[in-house]
Protein backbone atom coordinates (compact mmCIF):
# COMPACT_ATOMS: atom_id res chain seq x y z
CA MET A 1 -0.04 -0.01 0.06
CA LYS A 2 1.45 3.53 -0.91
CA ASN A 3 0.26 6.68 0.00
CA THR A 4 0.88 7.92 -3.35
CA VAL A 5 -0.03 11.78 -2.38
CA TYR A 6 2.83 12.02 0.34
CA ALA A 7 0.29 12.14 3.04
CA ILE A 8 1.90 13.83 6.03
CA PHE A 9 -0.66 13.23 8.51
CA VAL A 10 -2.37 9.78 8.94
CA ILE A 11 -4.95 8.57 11.60
CA ILE A 12 -5.08 4.85 12.51
CA THR A 13 -8.61 4.08 13.87
CA LEU A 14 -8.67 0.80 16.06
CA SER A 15 -12.40 -0.24 16.40
CA ILE A 16 -12.27 -2.26 19.58
CA ASN A 17 -14.15 -2.64 22.93
CA GLY A 18 -11.70 -1.25 25.46
CA PHE A 19 -9.81 1.63 23.77
CA SER A 20 -10.06 4.35 25.70
CA GLN A 21 -8.93 8.43 24.80
CA ASN A 22 -6.97 8.21 27.91
CA SER A 23 -4.83 5.59 26.76
CA ASN A 24 -0.78 6.12 26.87
CA ILE A 25 1.92 4.75 25.38
CA THR A 26 4.61 3.62 28.07
CA PHE A 27 7.36 2.31 26.09
CA TYR A 28 8.73 2.53 22.36
CA ASP A 29 10.91 -0.45 21.11
CA ILE A 30 12.16 0.90 17.38
CA TYR A 31 14.40 -1.06 15.16
CA ILE A 32 15.84 0.95 12.19
CA THR A 33 17.28 -0.60 9.24
CA THR A 34 18.24 0.66 5.49
CA PRO A 35 18.41 -1.05 2.09
CA ASP A 36 21.36 -1.70 0.61
CA SER A 37 21.15 1.23 -1.11
CA MET A 38 20.85 3.24 1.74
CA ASN A 39 18.30 5.87 0.11
CA TYR A 40 15.36 5.19 2.53
CA ILE A 41 14.72 4.03 6.06
CA ARG A 42 12.77 1.26 7.10
CA VAL A 43 11.15 1.31 10.75
CA ASN A 44 9.41 -1.07 13.19
CA ALA A 45 8.06 0.32 15.83
CA LYS A 46 6.56 -1.10 18.60
CA MET A 47 4.68 0.15 21.26
CA TYR A 48 3.18 -0.43 24.38
CA LEU A 49 -0.19 0.82 25.61
CA THR A 50 -1.99 1.42 28.78
CA GLY A 51 -5.02 3.10 29.98
CA ILE A 52 -7.52 0.84 28.69
CA ASP A 53 -10.96 0.81 29.76
CA THR A 54 -13.11 -2.43 29.12
CA GLN A 55 -16.36 -0.40 29.55
CA LYS A 56 -15.74 1.86 26.68
CA ASN A 57 -16.13 1.41 22.79
CA ASP A 58 -13.65 4.36 21.86
CA THR A 59 -11.29 4.66 19.11
CA LEU A 60 -7.55 5.42 19.40
CA HIS A 61 -6.17 7.67 16.83
CA PHE A 62 -2.28 7.78 15.71
CA GLU A 63 -0.37 10.44 14.15
CA LEU A 64 2.44 9.37 11.92
CA CYS A 65 4.75 12.15 9.79
CA LYS A 66 2.44 14.93 11.00
CA ASP A 67 4.51 18.01 9.61
CA PHE A 68 7.49 15.99 8.75
CA ASN A 69 7.60 18.23 5.25
CA GLY A 70 9.73 16.54 2.58
CA VAL A 71 9.51 12.77 3.86
CA TYR A 72 6.57 10.30 3.24
CA PHE A 73 5.88 6.72 4.58
CA ASP A 74 5.18 3.73 2.46
CA SER A 75 4.15 0.22 2.85
CA LEU A 76 2.42 0.54 6.29
CA THR A 77 1.62 -2.71 8.03
CA VAL A 78 -0.05 -2.58 11.54
CA LYS A 79 -0.60 -5.23 13.80
CA THR A 80 -1.22 -6.55 17.79
CA GLU A 81 0.97 -9.52 18.88
CA GLU A 82 0.97 -11.66 15.76
CA THR A 83 -2.16 -10.27 14.20
CA ILE A 84 -2.04 -8.20 11.11
CA ILE A 85 -4.64 -5.60 11.08
CA LYS A 86 -6.45 -5.20 8.03
CA ILE A 87 -6.29 -1.86 6.45
CA THR A 88 -10.01 -1.41 5.10
CA THR A 89 -10.01 1.99 4.35
CA ILE A 90 -7.87 5.04 3.38
CA ASN A 91 -7.96 8.34 1.92
CA LEU A 92 -5.64 11.57 1.96
CA ASN A 93 -5.16 11.32 5.89
CA LYS A 94 -6.90 8.61 7.30
CA ILE A 95 -6.28 5.09 7.54
CA SER A 96 -9.08 2.89 9.49
CA CYS A 97 -8.35 -0.80 10.55
CA ASN A 98 -10.39 -3.33 12.08
CA ILE A 99 -8.94 -5.60 14.79
CA LEU A 100 -10.29 -9.36 15.16
CA ASP A 101 -12.65 -9.57 18.04
CA ASN A 102 -11.14 -12.68 19.74
CA ILE A 103 -7.97 -10.85 20.08
CA GLN A 104 -7.39 -10.79 24.17
CA ILE A 105 -7.30 -7.54 25.66
CA GLU A 106 -5.12 -6.81 28.56
CA ASP A 107 -4.10 -3.75 30.77
CA THR A 108 -1.21 -3.49 28.47
CA ILE A 109 -1.56 -4.32 24.80
CA SER A 110 1.53 -4.03 22.20
CA MET A 111 1.16 -2.82 18.57
CA GLY A 112 3.65 -2.42 15.85
CA PHE A 113 4.21 -0.40 13.28
CA GLU A 114 6.04 -1.02 10.07
CA TYR A 115 6.99 1.19 7.37
CA CYS A 116 9.59 2.85 5.17
CA LEU A 117 10.56 6.69 4.95
CA PHE A 118 11.23 8.21 1.66
CA LYS A 119 12.18 11.85 0.47
CA THR A 120 9.55 13.29 -1.56
CA ALA A 121 10.19 14.72 -5.01
CA ASP A 122 10.92 18.19 -3.85
CA PHE A 123 12.75 17.57 -0.88
CA GLU A 124 15.93 19.43 -2.08
CA GLN A 125 13.67 22.47 -2.34
CA ILE A 126 12.53 22.66 0.98
CA PRO A 127 14.48 24.56 3.70
CA TYR A 128 16.49 22.45 6.09
CA SER A 129 15.43 19.42 4.48
CA GLU A 130 18.35 17.95 4.64
CA PHE A 131 19.07 18.74 8.32
CA ALA A 132 16.14 17.10 9.17
CA MET A 133 16.35 14.09 7.31
CA GLN A 134 18.84 12.18 4.94
CA ALA A 135 19.08 8.81 3.37
CA ASN A 136 22.23 8.06 1.16
CA LYS A 137 25.60 6.10 1.40
CA ASP A 138 27.21 8.86 3.00
CA ASP A 139 24.88 9.99 5.38
CA VAL A 140 21.23 8.43 6.78
CA HIS A 141 19.74 10.56 9.62
CA ILE A 142 17.05 11.85 11.54
CA ASN A 143 17.74 14.95 13.40
CA ALA A 144 15.49 15.88 16.30
CA ALA A 145 17.07 19.19 16.77
CA ILE A 146 14.53 20.30 14.15
CA THR A 147 11.12 19.59 15.78
CA ARG A 148 9.15 18.85 12.65
CA THR A 149 11.05 15.58 12.95
CA ASP A 150 9.10 14.68 16.12
CA ASN A 151 6.60 12.50 14.59
CA TRP A 152 8.91 10.14 12.11
CA PHE A 153 7.57 7.52 14.50
CA PRO A 154 3.82 6.86 15.53
CA LYS A 155 2.46 8.50 18.46
CA LEU A 156 -1.05 9.25 19.89
CA GLU A 157 -3.13 12.01 18.20
CA ASN A 158 -2.57 15.32 20.15
CA LYS A 159 0.18 13.95 22.38
CA HIS A 160 2.89 14.44 19.90
CA SER A 161 4.59 17.19 21.95
CA ARG A 162 4.68 15.30 25.54
CA ARG A 163 7.65 13.65 26.38
CA LEU A 164 9.02 10.68 25.57
CA PRO A 165 8.24 7.61 27.42
CA PRO A 166 11.58 5.03 28.03
CA PHE A 167 12.54 3.32 24.98
CA LYS A 168 14.62 1.00 22.85
CA LEU A 169 16.40 2.16 19.69
CA THR A 170 18.08 -0.55 17.86
CA ILE A 171 20.06 0.44 14.89
CA GLU A 172 21.68 -1.97 12.16
CA VAL A 173 24.21 -1.05 9.89
CA PRO A 174 26.83 -2.65 7.89
CA LEU A 175 30.24 -2.89 9.60
CA ASP A 176 32.00 0.01 8.07
CA TYR A 177 29.28 2.21 9.79
CA GLU A 178 29.08 4.34 12.85
CA VAL A 179 26.00 5.59 15.14
CA MET A 180 24.94 8.49 17.25
CA ALA A 181 21.67 7.95 18.31
CA SER A 182 18.99 9.19 21.57
CA GLY A 183 19.84 7.61 25.03
CA LYS A 184 22.69 5.71 26.34
CA LEU A 185 24.74 3.02 24.28
CA HIS A 186 23.86 -0.14 25.62
CA ASP A 187 25.33 -2.58 23.37
CA VAL A 188 27.03 -3.30 20.17
CA ASN A 189 26.88 -6.67 18.61
CA ILE A 190 28.57 -7.88 15.51
CA GLN A 191 26.83 -10.43 13.42
CA GLY A 192 28.25 -11.33 9.86
CA LYS A 193 28.31 -8.09 7.83
CA TYR A 194 26.32 -5.99 10.13
CA LYS A 195 26.95 -4.10 13.36
CA TYR A 196 23.59 -3.74 15.78
CA TYR A 197 23.84 -0.93 18.05
CA VAL A 198 21.19 -0.84 21.10
CA TYR A 199 20.35 2.24 22.87
CA LEU A 200 18.20 2.86 25.99
CA ASN A 201 16.32 5.84 27.63
CA TYR A 202 18.95 7.58 30.12
CA LYS A 203 17.19 6.69 33.50
CA THR A 204 17.41 10.26 34.99
CA LEU A 205 15.43 11.56 31.56
CA SER A 206 14.01 10.20 28.25
CA ASP A 207 14.76 12.26 25.19
CA ARG A 208 12.55 14.94 23.98
CA SER A 209 12.17 12.87 20.70
CA LEU A 210 14.16 10.27 19.04
CA TYR A 211 17.23 10.88 16.37
CA PHE A 212 19.75 8.72 15.04
CA PHE A 213 22.97 9.50 13.06
CA ILE A 214 24.54 7.10 10.54
CA ASN A 215 27.87 7.58 9.00
CA LYS A 216 31.58 6.40 8.14
CA ASN A 217 33.13 8.62 10.98
CA THR A 218 36.05 7.04 13.18
CA ARG A 219 34.48 6.66 16.92
CA VAL A 220 37.08 7.87 19.60
CA ASP A 221 36.45 7.87 23.34
CA LYS A 222 38.04 10.75 25.24
CA ILE A 223 37.88 10.17 29.33
CA PHE A 224 38.84 13.01 31.83
CA ASP A 225 40.29 12.61 35.29
CA ASP A 226 37.16 13.19 36.53
CA GLY A 227 35.66 9.84 34.97
CA PHE A 228 33.37 11.86 32.19
CA LYS A 229 33.54 10.19 28.80
CA ILE A 230 32.97 11.79 25.45
CA SER A 231 32.37 9.54 22.58
CA LEU A 232 33.50 11.77 19.64
CA LEU A 233 32.39 10.36 15.92
CA VAL A 234 34.92 12.25 13.83
CA PRO A 235 36.26 12.19 9.96
CA ASP A 236 39.34 10.50 8.76
CA ASP A 237 41.03 13.56 8.37
CA THR A 238 40.74 15.09 11.70
CA LEU A 239 43.86 17.51 12.48
CA PRO A 240 46.37 16.21 15.62
CA GLY A 241 44.88 18.00 18.70
CA ALA A 242 41.26 18.80 17.31
CA VAL A 243 39.90 15.62 19.54
CA ASP A 244 41.57 16.97 22.50
CA TYR A 245 40.64 20.66 21.96
CA LEU A 246 37.06 19.92 21.38
CA SER A 247 36.33 17.51 23.60
CA GLY A 248 38.00 19.53 26.41
CA LEU A 249 35.59 22.71 25.40
CA VAL A 250 32.64 20.19 25.71
CA HIS A 251 33.73 18.92 29.29
CA SER A 252 34.49 22.01 30.55
CA SER A 253 31.52 23.94 29.23
CA TYR A 254 28.96 20.90 30.33
CA LYS A 255 30.33 20.93 34.14
CA GLN A 256 30.12 24.81 34.20
CA TYR A 257 26.30 24.61 33.33
CA GLU A 258 25.79 21.63 35.58
CA GLU A 259 26.76 24.06 38.56
CA LEU A 260 24.70 27.17 36.85
CA TYR A 261 21.74 25.29 35.67
CA GLY A 262 21.45 22.13 37.56
CA SER A 263 23.40 18.41 37.22
CA THR A 264 22.23 15.85 34.90
CA ASN A 265 23.70 13.06 36.89
CA LEU A 266 25.43 11.65 33.73
CA ASN A 267 28.86 11.41 33.21
CA GLU A 268 29.04 11.02 29.50
CA TYR A 269 28.43 12.91 26.41
CA LYS A 270 28.34 12.43 22.77
CA LEU A 271 29.75 14.40 19.63
CA ASN A 272 29.29 13.75 16.25
CA ALA A 273 31.11 15.57 12.75
CA PHE A 274 28.10 16.34 10.79
CA SER A 275 27.88 17.52 7.19
CA ASN A 276 24.99 18.61 5.24
CA ASN A 277 24.00 21.67 2.91
CA ASP A 278 21.98 23.48 5.61
CA MET A 279 24.28 23.83 8.48
CA GLY A 280 26.47 21.35 10.93
CA TYR A 281 25.31 22.34 14.26
CA SER A 282 22.56 20.88 16.19
CA GLY A 283 22.17 20.58 20.39
CA LEU A 284 20.22 17.46 21.22
CA TYR A 285 20.14 15.56 24.75
CA ASN A 286 23.64 15.04 26.17
CA SER A 287 24.87 15.38 22.50
CA CYS A 288 25.41 17.57 19.38
CA ASN A 289 26.59 17.62 16.40
CA ALA A 290 29.33 19.98 14.91
CA PRO A 291 30.50 20.47 11.06
CA VAL A 292 33.43 18.32 9.65
CA TRP A 293 35.46 21.59 8.95
CA LEU A 294 35.62 22.24 13.02
CA PHE A 295 37.51 18.65 13.08
CA ASN A 296 39.74 18.90 9.96
CA LYS A 297 40.69 22.65 9.74
CA PRO A 298 42.80 24.65 11.84
CA ILE A 299 40.49 27.00 14.36
CA ASN A 300 41.31 30.58 14.51
CA ASN A 301 38.83 32.03 16.85
CA ASN A 302 38.15 35.68 16.76
CA GLU A 303 37.97 38.08 19.71
CA LEU A 304 34.16 36.60 20.55
CA TYR A 305 35.67 32.83 20.23
CA TYR A 306 33.69 32.39 17.12
CA PRO A 307 33.96 29.47 15.74
CA ALA A 308 34.53 27.56 18.91
CA ARG A 309 31.45 29.13 20.89
CA ASP A 310 29.15 27.68 18.70
CA LEU A 311 29.93 24.03 20.09
CA ILE A 312 29.60 25.67 23.56
CA HIS A 313 26.19 26.74 22.56
CA GLU A 314 25.04 23.47 21.50
CA VAL A 315 26.31 21.66 24.80
CA SER A 316 23.85 24.05 26.77
CA HIS A 317 20.92 22.75 24.58
CA THR A 318 21.04 19.79 27.04
CA TRP A 319 19.05 21.93 29.45
CA TRP A 320 17.32 24.37 26.87
CA GLY A 321 15.19 22.29 24.62
CA ASN A 322 15.62 19.00 26.12
CA ILE A 323 15.89 18.70 29.76
CA VAL A 324 12.96 21.67 29.79
CA ALA A 325 11.17 21.23 26.25
CA PRO A 326 9.54 24.27 24.89
CA ASP A 327 7.28 24.38 22.03
CA ALA A 328 9.32 25.98 19.38
CA SER A 329 6.37 27.39 17.44
CA THR A 330 5.52 29.57 20.29
CA ASP A 331 8.28 29.69 22.65
CA TYR A 332 11.57 29.45 20.51
CA TRP A 333 13.37 32.11 22.55
CA LEU A 334 13.43 29.48 25.71
CA PHE A 335 15.55 27.33 23.40
CA GLU A 336 17.77 29.77 21.69
CA GLY A 337 17.79 33.10 23.99
CA PHE A 338 18.94 30.87 26.75
CA ALA A 339 21.46 29.21 24.80
CA LYS A 340 23.06 32.48 23.23
CA PHE A 341 23.03 33.66 27.31
CA SER A 342 24.87 30.66 28.03
CA GLU A 343 27.79 31.33 25.88
CA PRO A 344 29.52 33.83 27.68
CA GLN A 345 28.39 32.40 30.62
CA PHE A 346 31.12 29.70 30.09
CA LEU A 347 33.81 31.69 28.10
CA LYS A 348 33.92 34.49 30.78
CA THR A 349 35.88 31.19 33.04
CA PHE A 350 38.56 31.89 31.21
CA LEU A 351 38.45 34.97 29.16
CA GLY A 352 37.19 37.27 31.99
CA ASP A 353 34.34 39.24 32.64
CA SER A 354 34.80 41.72 30.04
CA ILE A 355 33.78 39.11 27.30
CA GLU A 356 30.12 39.55 28.43
CA THR A 357 29.87 43.50 27.97
CA LEU A 358 31.72 42.70 24.46
CA TYR A 359 28.94 40.10 23.62
CA ARG A 360 26.05 42.14 24.55
CA ASN A 361 27.40 44.84 22.61
CA ARG A 362 27.68 42.50 19.80
CA LEU A 363 24.20 41.44 20.21
CA LYS A 364 22.57 44.93 20.67
CA ILE A 365 24.14 45.84 17.32
CA MET A 366 22.32 43.12 15.59
CA ILE A 367 18.79 43.90 17.27
CA ALA A 368 19.05 47.77 16.63
CA ALA A 369 19.53 47.03 12.95
CA ASP A 370 15.96 45.18 13.33
CA ALA A 371 14.35 46.81 16.10
CA ASP A 372 11.27 48.64 14.22
CA PHE A 373 10.60 45.16 12.49
CA LEU A 374 11.37 42.91 15.90
CA PRO A 375 8.55 40.71 16.98
CA PRO A 376 7.67 40.33 20.52
CA LEU A 377 9.93 37.17 22.54
CA ARG A 378 6.80 34.89 22.21
CA PHE A 379 6.34 35.39 18.83
CA ILE A 380 4.42 32.61 16.66
CA SER A 381 6.75 31.29 14.47
CA ALA A 382 4.48 30.63 11.39
CA GLU A 383 3.60 34.09 11.08
CA ILE A 384 6.70 35.17 10.61
CA ASN A 385 8.40 34.34 7.03
CA ASP A 386 11.91 35.84 7.46
CA ASN A 387 14.58 33.71 9.24
CA SER A 388 16.95 36.46 9.85
CA LEU A 389 13.99 38.35 11.94
CA LYS A 390 13.14 34.82 14.13
CA SER A 391 17.02 34.34 14.90
CA ALA A 392 17.10 38.37 15.93
CA ALA A 393 13.97 38.04 17.91
CA ALA A 394 14.51 34.54 19.86
CA TYR A 395 18.28 34.32 19.88
CA TYR A 396 19.61 37.94 20.24
CA GLN A 397 16.69 39.69 21.89
CA GLY A 398 16.33 36.65 24.32
CA ALA A 399 19.77 36.61 25.27
CA LEU A 400 19.78 40.34 25.93
CA PHE A 401 16.61 40.05 27.55
CA LEU A 402 17.97 37.44 30.21
CA TYR A 403 20.72 39.71 30.79
CA SER A 404 18.42 42.51 31.97
CA LEU A 405 16.49 40.26 33.95
CA LEU A 406 19.70 39.38 35.77
CA GLU A 407 20.83 42.65 36.37
CA LEU A 408 17.20 43.78 37.69
CA LEU A 409 16.90 40.86 40.05
CA GLY A 410 20.61 40.48 40.99
CA GLU A 411 23.13 37.49 40.61
CA GLU A 412 21.77 35.14 43.22
CA ASP A 413 18.11 35.58 42.75
CA PHE A 414 18.44 35.19 39.10
CA ARG A 415 20.46 32.09 39.29
CA ASN A 416 17.91 30.53 42.03
CA GLY A 417 15.25 31.20 39.89
CA ILE A 418 17.23 29.24 36.84
CA LYS A 419 17.35 26.51 38.96
CA GLU A 420 14.13 26.38 40.08
CA TYR A 421 12.89 26.66 36.30
CA VAL A 422 14.97 23.48 35.64
CA SER A 423 14.24 21.76 38.51
CA LYS A 424 10.33 22.08 38.68
CA ASN A 425 10.21 21.24 34.95
CA TRP A 426 12.50 18.93 34.54
CA GLY A 427 11.41 16.36 31.72
CA LYS A 428 8.29 18.74 31.10
CA ILE A 429 6.79 20.77 28.16
CA VAL A 430 7.44 24.16 29.08
CA ASP A 431 6.53 27.83 28.05
CA SER A 432 7.00 31.27 29.09
CA ASP A 433 4.75 31.19 32.13
CA ASP A 434 6.58 28.47 33.34
CA TYR A 435 9.73 30.66 33.44
CA PHE A 436 8.20 33.48 34.81
CA ARG A 437 6.79 31.52 37.84
CA ALA A 438 10.22 30.62 38.72
CA MET A 439 11.55 33.72 38.38
CA GLN A 440 8.92 35.75 40.29
CA ASN A 441 9.22 33.01 43.06
CA ASN A 442 12.89 34.09 43.59
CA THR A 443 12.62 37.67 43.86
CA ASP A 444 10.76 40.49 46.12
CA ILE A 445 10.92 42.75 42.80
CA ASP A 446 7.37 42.53 40.82
CA ILE A 447 8.65 41.71 37.63
CA HIS A 448 5.36 41.11 35.93
CA ASP A 449 5.10 43.84 33.59
CA PHE A 450 8.63 43.93 32.96
CA TYR A 451 8.42 40.37 31.67
CA TYR A 452 5.42 40.31 29.88
CA ASP A 453 5.87 43.83 27.89
CA TYR A 454 8.65 41.63 26.43
CA MET A 455 7.01 38.81 26.00
CA ASP A 456 4.25 40.17 23.98
CA LYS A 457 5.04 43.63 22.66
CA PRO A 458 7.25 43.95 19.54
CA GLY A 459 10.25 46.10 19.15
CA LEU A 460 12.31 47.97 22.15
CA ALA A 461 11.89 50.29 24.58
CA GLU A 462 11.78 53.90 23.55
CA TYR A 463 12.95 56.91 25.28
CA SER A 464 13.29 60.65 24.81
CA ILE A 465 15.58 63.15 26.83
CA ARG A 466 14.94 66.84 26.95
CA GLU A 467 16.29 69.82 29.00
CA ILE A 468 13.70 71.53 30.89
CA SER A 469 15.37 74.44 32.44
CA TYR A 470 18.64 75.30 34.01
CA GLU A 471 19.92 77.88 36.18
CA SER A 472 22.96 79.20 37.32
CA LYS A 473 24.75 78.47 40.31
CA ASP A 474 27.98 80.54 41.31
CA SER A 475 30.31 79.68 38.28
CA LEU A 476 28.20 76.57 37.45
CA PHE A 477 25.13 75.56 35.62
CA LEU A 478 22.30 73.52 37.00
CA HIS A 479 20.28 71.25 34.73
CA HIS A 480 16.91 69.94 34.90
CA ILE A 481 16.84 67.11 32.58
CA GLN A 482 13.39 64.89 31.79
CA ILE A 483 13.95 61.74 30.64
CA MET A 484 10.31 60.20 29.33
CA ASN A 485 9.60 56.43 28.26
CA THR A 486 7.81 57.25 25.03
CA GLY A 487 7.28 53.48 23.84
CA ASN A 488 4.93 50.83 25.32
CA LYS A 489 7.35 48.65 26.87
CA VAL A 490 8.97 48.93 30.74
CA LEU A 491 12.10 50.55 30.06
CA PHE A 492 15.22 49.22 31.94
CA SER A 493 18.65 50.26 31.32
CA LYS A 494 21.66 51.83 32.86
CA TYR A 495 22.81 55.61 32.37
CA ILE A 496 25.76 57.77 32.95
CA LYS A 497 25.45 61.47 34.34
CA ASN A 498 27.98 63.12 33.32
CA SER A 499 28.57 66.21 36.17
CA PHE A 500 31.10 68.51 37.30
CA PHE A 501 32.15 66.15 39.95
CA GLY A 502 32.28 63.39 37.89
CA ASN A 503 30.56 60.48 36.39
CA ASP A 504 27.72 58.17 37.98
CA THR A 505 25.91 55.28 36.77
CA SER A 506 22.65 54.77 37.77
CA TYR A 507 19.92 52.46 36.77
CA LEU A 508 16.35 53.78 34.62
CA PHE A 509 13.35 51.50 35.29
CA LEU A 510 10.39 53.30 33.54
CA SER A 511 6.77 52.22 32.75
CA PRO A 512 5.38 53.31 29.73
CA GLY A 513 4.50 57.20 29.72
CA VAL A 514 6.82 57.77 33.07
CA VAL A 515 9.28 60.58 33.36
CA GLN A 516 11.90 60.82 35.31
CA GLU A 517 13.67 64.28 36.40
CA ILE A 518 17.59 64.42 36.94
CA GLU A 519 19.67 67.49 38.03
CA VAL A 520 23.03 67.91 36.81
CA LEU A 521 25.65 70.39 37.93
CA SER A 522 27.79 71.24 35.15
CA ASP A 523 30.57 73.88 34.30
CA THR A 524 29.19 74.04 30.79
CA ILE A 525 25.91 75.72 29.66
CA GLU A 526 25.49 73.15 27.03
CA PRO A 527 23.36 70.40 28.10
CA SER A 528 24.34 67.70 25.49
CA ASP A 529 25.78 64.35 26.80
CA LEU A 530 25.03 65.01 30.40
CA ILE A 531 22.82 62.16 30.29
CA ILE A 532 23.92 59.13 28.23
CA ILE A 533 21.45 56.21 28.49
CA ASP A 534 22.80 52.86 27.77
CA PRO A 535 26.36 53.95 27.31
CA GLU A 536 27.85 50.54 26.58
CA ASN A 537 25.02 49.87 24.13
CA ILE A 538 24.19 46.58 25.71
CA TYR A 539 20.03 46.87 26.94
CA LEU A 540 16.76 46.87 25.00
CA VAL A 541 16.39 50.15 24.54
CA LYS A 542 16.44 52.63 21.60
CA GLU A 543 16.05 56.59 21.45
CA LYS A 544 12.72 58.20 19.92
CA GLY A 545 12.89 59.18 16.31
CA ILE A 546 15.93 56.98 15.43
CA VAL A 547 14.91 54.65 12.32
CA SER A 548 16.31 51.00 12.10
CA PRO A 549 17.78 50.40 8.57
CA GLY A 550 16.67 46.98 8.57
CA ALA A 551 20.17 45.80 7.49
CA LYS A 552 23.60 45.38 8.69
CA LEU A 553 27.22 45.65 7.67
CA TYR A 554 30.47 43.55 7.89
CA LYS A 555 33.85 43.14 6.75
CA ASP A 556 34.65 39.58 4.71
CA ASN A 557 37.97 38.15 4.56
CA THR A 558 39.42 40.63 2.66
CA ASP A 559 38.24 43.78 4.45
CA ALA A 560 35.56 44.33 1.77
CA ILE A 561 32.46 45.96 3.48
CA MET A 562 29.20 43.82 3.02
CA LEU A 563 25.53 44.38 3.26
CA PHE A 564 23.52 41.29 4.59
CA GLY A 565 20.30 40.78 6.41
CA VAL A 566 18.16 43.09 4.55
CA LEU A 567 14.58 43.00 5.65
CA PRO A 568 11.64 43.37 3.37
CA GLU A 569 10.05 46.95 3.34
CA SER A 570 13.12 48.25 5.46
CA PRO A 571 14.76 51.70 4.25
CA PHE A 572 17.62 49.62 2.32
CA ASP A 573 15.04 47.51 0.71
CA LEU A 574 12.88 50.35 -0.57
CA ALA A 575 15.96 51.78 -2.06
CA GLY A 576 16.55 48.87 -3.75
CA MET A 577 19.80 47.58 -1.96
CA LYS A 578 20.36 43.73 -1.79
CA ASN A 579 22.47 41.06 0.58
CA ASN A 580 26.10 40.79 -0.71
CA MET A 581 26.33 44.40 -2.29
CA LYS A 582 29.89 45.75 -1.90
CA ILE A 583 29.73 49.31 0.26
CA VAL A 584 32.49 51.70 -0.92
CA SER A 585 31.55 54.59 0.94
CA ILE A 586 28.42 56.34 3.03
CA ASN A 587 27.68 60.37 2.73
CA GLY A 588 31.62 60.38 1.48
CA ASP A 589 33.16 58.69 4.02
CA LYS A 590 35.42 55.89 3.19
CA LEU A 591 35.03 52.93 5.66
CA ALA A 592 37.79 50.84 5.68
CA ASP A 593 39.13 51.87 9.27
CA TYR A 594 35.71 51.61 10.98
CA THR A 595 34.93 48.54 13.45
CA PHE A 596 31.95 46.81 13.18
CA GLU A 597 30.11 48.64 15.71
CA GLN A 598 31.14 51.98 14.13
CA LEU A 599 29.91 50.47 10.48
CA ASN A 600 26.56 49.69 12.05
CA SER A 601 26.16 52.97 13.94
CA LEU A 602 26.34 54.58 10.69
CA LEU A 603 22.90 52.96 9.75
CA GLN A 604 21.02 54.21 12.86
CA GLN A 605 19.60 57.60 11.79
CA PRO A 606 16.96 59.78 12.58
CA GLU A 607 13.69 60.23 10.56
CA GLY A 608 13.81 61.85 7.40
CA GLN A 609 17.66 61.56 6.91
CA VAL A 610 18.95 60.40 3.77
CA LEU A 611 22.28 58.46 2.92
CA GLU A 612 24.31 58.36 -0.03
CA ILE A 613 25.68 54.93 -0.64
CA VAL A 614 28.18 54.13 -2.93
CA CYS A 615 28.13 50.31 -3.83
CA TYR A 616 28.85 47.63 -6.11
CA ASP A 617 26.01 45.50 -7.08
CA SER A 618 26.00 41.69 -7.62
CA ASN A 619 26.92 42.31 -11.43
CA ASN A 620 29.71 44.26 -9.88
CA GLN A 621 28.38 47.50 -11.64
CA LYS A 622 29.19 50.81 -9.48
CA GLN A 623 26.14 52.45 -8.07
CA LEU A 624 24.94 55.27 -6.14
CA VAL A 625 21.95 54.54 -3.94
CA LYS A 626 20.00 57.19 -1.64
CA VAL A 627 18.61 55.58 1.68
CA GLU A 628 15.68 57.42 3.02
CA TYR A 629 14.69 56.95 6.62
């Protein structure tokens, strides 16, 4: 039986006395094989169900491959024990099955699903399809880091987001292949030309979803003095020292995150070299993938420890997305904002505290470019088409929001709140409300309005500064300066008061519409620069009247200044500018000596301003473009 229309949602209806809508799957036993061609995946998924009510005549519904774009199932058979369930009807997304009346129904029954997973004809045109699934001689995998893969094995209808029950995952591969998969490696058995890898769930927590990676990497085990073991699958051309360096980063960052967020009670980790056309990184439960070039090319980290910091990011996903598992369609920031925030939490242990300010500054530069287009933290993923905006909102805004929360609450209360969030929600599905409850429970400060403004309102907090009056005082001038929250979000930021007696740093915490007056004694009559809000450029605030460009600049490896991240309907887009244009000058200024921050500060302009930009287009034609704000 072939589902020729590539149905991505299947309902299997079991018409039999004794099944209840309250049934639950208590155990999975899944067996994975591939044909010699390795161009599809065979699945034999056996499940055990409880919650059967013999007084009911309910039906039981399953989902298989729901939302798994680019993948379809074929050759499906369903059976209970040794009896094959005859498929009596099929349409686009429903299969009805009848079980013979003489089958004995117990408190626990088992059901088996046998089917094959294939790539659709348009597989390669679907974004991140190869990241989610692949089947060929070099690589066979299903990657649970991308949540559309969650239903590659059958689940009860409307329960696909629940955490996994205990499982056994067996993967059969030819002798020259290796495997990394969900859970703890229990056994490797060789029979003839094949190896059989058996994985069981960790006793402390089952994975959020099941994954496996099959490739021809070489397995290397690295054991540290504290007994912590990292199992690496590395390419044959791995550079000398790469295994020690990368495993050392994983070990030290993992231990730091255990101290900050709570112990996993595990003493191992898995790291796989992963190559595909979309991306090389994915963070899973107690394991991750990293791109092949991280193993076989020299690593030259920049001042923010890129590229190695991306590996640290993935290690933190053991907590953010796995130990606590949000719904990525509504609370993506609970995955990525937390992971981005976690990077400098580890880096400062050996690079010093200054890395945090530098890090936050870089995040703010990225956010400021998109501020007028920025969705709230708790955005609906399906409503936003631009992936760069999703990243800005979830990764950058999420991390900066957590830093603001840390400063507002103080280090001790913030850390206690994070640990409570993890411990109370261990192995559960979470949302932004769960995180709020944990943080509010650990502070006497009422953070409700501040928190939910950023959850539900777009853009940055906005302010204006103006001098109300001044008066002479001996040979000095006493300036009365008013700061107003002109936006619709609670404003939180440091500010500097530059007075005659020196510089004082304080905090602003202003609700929308609230005004704060500050007196500054100065030896100059000019009020400019007496108050500087967000002096380090690290808070989620912007000055009223400044327009976001919806674009960013960077220097490539030849020091050419390139445009990227152009958003639809932004000033740069409306001027006809495109990604990867080479910028020569802005308003006549040559830019060769500008830093990343200086380059992007140039793009922050007041409403009505016009920038004249000399650039080269994709055809290497020189142009003069006027960008109006």
